[in-house]
Protein backbone atom coordinates (compact mmCIF):
# COMPACT_ATOMS: atom_id res chain seq x y z
CA MET A 1 32.70 35.59 101.70
CA ILE A 2 30.53 36.95 98.67
CA PHE A 3 26.95 37.07 98.91
CA GLU A 4 25.11 38.16 95.62
CA GLU A 5 21.32 37.84 94.91
CA LYS A 6 21.04 37.43 91.22
CA GLY A 7 17.25 36.70 89.93
CA PRO A 8 15.82 33.86 91.40
CA TYR A 9 19.19 32.91 93.40
CA LEU A 10 21.54 33.50 96.31
CA HIS A 11 25.21 32.91 95.27
CA ILE A 12 27.66 32.44 97.64
CA THR A 13 31.31 32.42 97.10
CA VAL A 14 34.11 31.80 99.49
CA ASN A 15 36.74 34.12 98.58
CA ARG A 16 40.20 33.02 100.45
CA PRO A 17 41.80 31.16 97.72
CA ASP A 18 45.35 31.80 99.15
CA ASP A 19 44.12 29.84 102.43
CA GLY A 20 42.58 27.20 100.36
CA ASN A 21 39.13 28.81 100.96
CA LYS A 22 38.98 27.64 104.60
CA PHE A 23 36.23 28.51 106.80
CA LEU A 24 36.78 30.74 109.90
CA ASP A 25 34.54 30.58 112.65
CA ASP A 26 32.97 33.85 111.99
CA MET A 27 32.24 32.61 108.31
CA LEU A 28 30.26 29.63 109.69
CA VAL A 29 28.08 32.25 111.77
CA ASN A 30 27.61 34.35 108.66
CA LEU A 31 26.86 31.61 106.50
CA ALA A 32 24.37 30.22 108.72
CA ASP A 33 22.86 33.42 109.40
CA ARG A 34 22.53 34.65 105.60
CA VAL A 35 20.88 31.02 104.66
CA ASN A 36 18.36 31.47 107.56
CA GLU A 37 17.38 34.96 106.17
CA ALA A 38 17.16 33.59 102.65
CA THR A 39 14.64 30.93 104.23
CA ALA A 40 12.63 33.68 105.99
CA LYS A 41 12.38 35.76 103.11
CA GLY A 42 11.56 33.23 100.56
CA GLY A 43 10.85 33.31 97.00
CA LEU A 44 14.74 31.97 96.03
CA ASN A 45 14.84 29.07 93.59
CA GLY A 46 18.25 28.02 95.16
CA ILE A 47 21.56 28.91 96.79
CA VAL A 48 24.45 28.36 94.50
CA LEU A 49 27.83 27.76 96.67
CA ARG A 50 31.25 28.31 95.26
CA GLY A 51 34.73 28.58 95.90
CA THR A 52 37.41 30.84 94.11
CA GLY A 53 40.59 29.73 92.84
CA PRO A 54 41.70 25.89 92.23
CA ASP A 55 39.76 24.37 94.91
CA PHE A 56 36.11 24.37 96.44
CA SER A 57 37.15 24.49 100.06
CA HIS A 58 39.97 22.99 102.15
CA GLY A 59 37.39 22.61 104.99
CA ARG A 60 37.49 24.65 108.34
CA GLU A 61 40.38 26.58 110.02
CA GLN A 62 41.76 24.31 112.86
CA LYS A 63 44.09 26.91 114.13
CA PRO A 64 42.99 27.92 117.65
CA GLY A 65 41.62 31.38 118.13
CA PRO A 66 42.86 34.01 120.36
CA ASP A 67 41.03 32.14 123.23
CA GLY A 68 42.96 28.99 122.90
CA PRO A 69 41.97 25.54 122.74
CA PRO A 70 38.88 24.36 124.28
CA VAL A 71 39.28 23.72 127.98
CA ASN A 72 36.41 20.94 127.98
CA ALA A 73 33.46 19.23 126.37
CA TYR A 74 31.22 22.28 126.95
CA ASP A 75 33.86 24.82 125.65
CA ALA A 76 34.21 22.78 122.34
CA ARG A 77 30.27 22.58 121.79
CA THR A 78 29.54 26.23 122.39
CA ARG A 79 32.68 27.81 120.73
CA PHE A 80 33.08 25.40 117.80
CA MET A 81 30.44 22.77 117.46
CA ASP A 82 27.31 24.84 117.32
CA LYS A 83 28.68 26.92 114.72
CA ILE A 84 29.01 24.04 112.35
CA LEU A 85 25.90 22.26 113.34
CA ASN A 86 23.95 25.49 112.89
CA VAL A 87 25.09 25.44 108.99
CA TYR A 88 23.85 21.98 108.88
CA ALA A 89 20.50 23.01 110.21
CA ALA A 90 20.46 26.23 108.09
CA PHE A 91 20.95 23.93 104.82
CA ARG A 92 18.21 21.46 105.88
CA ALA A 93 15.73 24.37 106.74
CA PHE A 94 16.02 26.04 103.15
CA PRO A 95 13.17 24.99 101.16
CA SER A 96 14.81 25.24 97.65
CA PRO A 97 17.77 23.49 96.70
CA ILE A 98 21.29 24.18 97.85
CA ILE A 99 23.93 23.69 95.03
CA PRO A 100 27.46 23.67 95.28
CA VAL A 101 29.84 23.59 92.71
CA VAL A 102 33.18 21.75 93.01
CA GLN A 103 36.00 22.33 91.00
CA GLY A 104 38.88 20.82 93.05
CA LYS A 105 39.41 19.55 96.34
CA ALA A 106 36.86 19.49 99.13
CA PRO A 107 38.00 17.78 102.52
CA GLY A 108 36.57 17.68 105.95
CA PHE A 109 33.99 20.39 106.19
CA ALA A 110 33.65 21.14 102.54
CA CYS A 111 32.66 17.73 101.98
CA ALA A 112 29.92 17.84 104.47
CA LEU A 113 28.59 20.76 102.82
CA VAL A 114 28.48 18.99 99.61
CA ALA A 115 27.24 15.93 101.15
CA GLY A 116 24.39 18.26 102.83
CA SER A 117 23.41 19.84 99.84
CA ASP A 118 20.67 18.79 97.33
CA VAL A 119 22.08 18.87 93.86
CA ALA A 120 25.94 18.96 93.60
CA PHE A 121 28.09 19.49 90.54
CA ALA A 122 31.66 18.68 90.46
CA SER A 123 34.70 18.72 87.94
CA THR A 124 36.02 15.27 86.93
CA LYS A 125 39.29 16.73 88.83
CA ALA A 126 37.35 17.08 92.42
CA THR A 127 38.55 15.16 95.37
CA PHE A 128 36.68 14.43 98.41
CA ALA A 129 37.84 13.27 102.03
CA LEU A 130 37.03 13.23 105.69
CA PRO A 131 40.58 13.31 107.01
CA GLU A 132 39.77 14.03 110.66
CA MET A 133 40.97 10.87 111.92
CA HIS A 134 44.66 11.75 111.13
CA HIS A 135 44.27 14.72 113.73
CA GLY A 136 42.78 12.50 116.48
CA THR A 137 39.31 13.52 116.09
CA PRO A 138 36.60 11.27 114.39
CA PRO A 139 34.26 13.42 112.05
CA THR A 140 30.95 13.00 113.85
CA LEU A 141 29.90 16.07 113.15
CA ALA A 142 30.69 15.95 109.32
CA ILE A 143 29.01 12.39 109.46
CA SER A 144 25.87 13.98 110.45
CA ALA A 145 25.58 15.81 107.11
CA HIS A 146 26.24 12.66 104.88
CA THR A 147 22.70 11.17 105.51
CA LYS A 148 22.22 11.30 101.50
CA VAL A 149 25.66 9.71 100.67
CA ALA A 150 25.67 5.71 100.64
CA ALA A 151 26.75 4.36 104.15
CA LYS A 152 29.56 2.12 103.18
CA THR A 153 31.20 5.19 101.33
CA VAL A 154 31.20 7.29 104.17
CA ALA A 155 32.55 4.59 106.33
CA HIS A 156 35.42 4.33 103.99
CA LEU A 157 35.82 8.32 103.89
CA VAL A 158 36.03 7.97 107.89
CA TYR A 159 38.08 4.75 108.37
CA SER A 160 40.57 5.14 105.58
CA ALA A 161 40.95 9.32 105.88
CA GLU A 162 41.69 8.93 102.11
CA GLU A 163 40.85 11.23 99.13
CA ILE A 164 37.95 9.79 96.86
CA ASP A 165 37.84 10.91 93.00
CA ALA A 166 34.92 12.36 91.55
CA GLN A 167 33.39 9.26 90.09
CA HIS A 168 33.54 7.68 93.40
CA ALA A 169 31.85 10.40 94.65
CA LEU A 170 29.15 10.37 91.87
CA ALA A 171 28.44 6.60 92.47
CA SER A 172 27.95 7.05 95.98
CA GLY A 173 25.53 9.90 96.03
CA LEU A 174 28.00 12.41 97.20
CA VAL A 175 27.61 14.65 94.03
CA SER A 176 24.89 14.94 91.36
CA ARG A 177 26.69 15.41 88.17
CA LEU A 178 30.07 15.35 86.76
CA CYS A 179 31.57 17.66 83.89
CA GLU A 180 34.70 18.09 82.58
CA PRO A 181 36.58 21.30 83.88
CA GLY A 182 36.07 23.44 80.85
CA ASP A 183 32.38 22.60 80.81
CA LEU A 184 31.56 22.71 84.66
CA ASP A 185 30.27 26.20 84.55
CA ALA A 186 28.14 26.12 81.42
CA THR A 187 26.82 22.98 82.61
CA VAL A 188 25.68 24.58 85.96
CA ASP A 189 24.26 27.49 83.95
CA ARG A 190 22.10 25.59 81.95
CA PHE A 191 20.58 23.73 85.18
CA LEU A 192 20.31 27.17 86.73
CA GLU A 193 18.28 28.32 83.74
CA THR A 194 16.01 25.36 83.73
CA LEU A 195 15.20 25.70 87.76
CA GLY A 196 14.82 29.44 87.65
CA GLY A 197 11.75 28.78 85.16
CA PHE A 198 9.96 26.61 87.78
CA ASP A 199 7.85 28.18 90.37
CA ALA A 200 9.64 28.63 93.75
CA LEU A 201 6.64 27.42 95.51
CA ASP A 202 6.58 24.28 93.31
CA ILE A 203 10.16 23.74 93.87
CA ALA A 204 9.97 23.76 97.80
């Protein structure tokens, strides 16, 4: 992951395009730590979250690590779930907007990151999904990040395990603004310029 502080913003870029920008466990820890550090430091007008390549992120890497799959619920909680929950908690604690920019696919954990953000921009080509039921696991952690999204849309995402398009995501409050692919970056830049002119304390 790339972390760059530019003016009043922390820009976080997931940089694994060859693997769909999937989040590894150590990346989850790093993401939560850096957001918490930004909260403690203060003075930022927002955090901008992007992914390189054609897609925002394909979610979390599901392959077992060197220690293998969890042996019981406690093991699963401490080794995997806490890392995810800590990211959600860090997002909630940050006093200024978390601003994801979604150019393509955003399933699973990536969908939850967008849902738990404050102002989300998406290309008209973006798609979102909670496909965990296909893997035999209800997306309970992801659901906990979708409190700002229409409940019936969340239920559809969970029970159908199907993708929804950008228009559906906008209508249900999953994203804030849609742009044609070629206009996405310029639209975000205009928003950041406006937000950057406000006092960080007022924003918080």
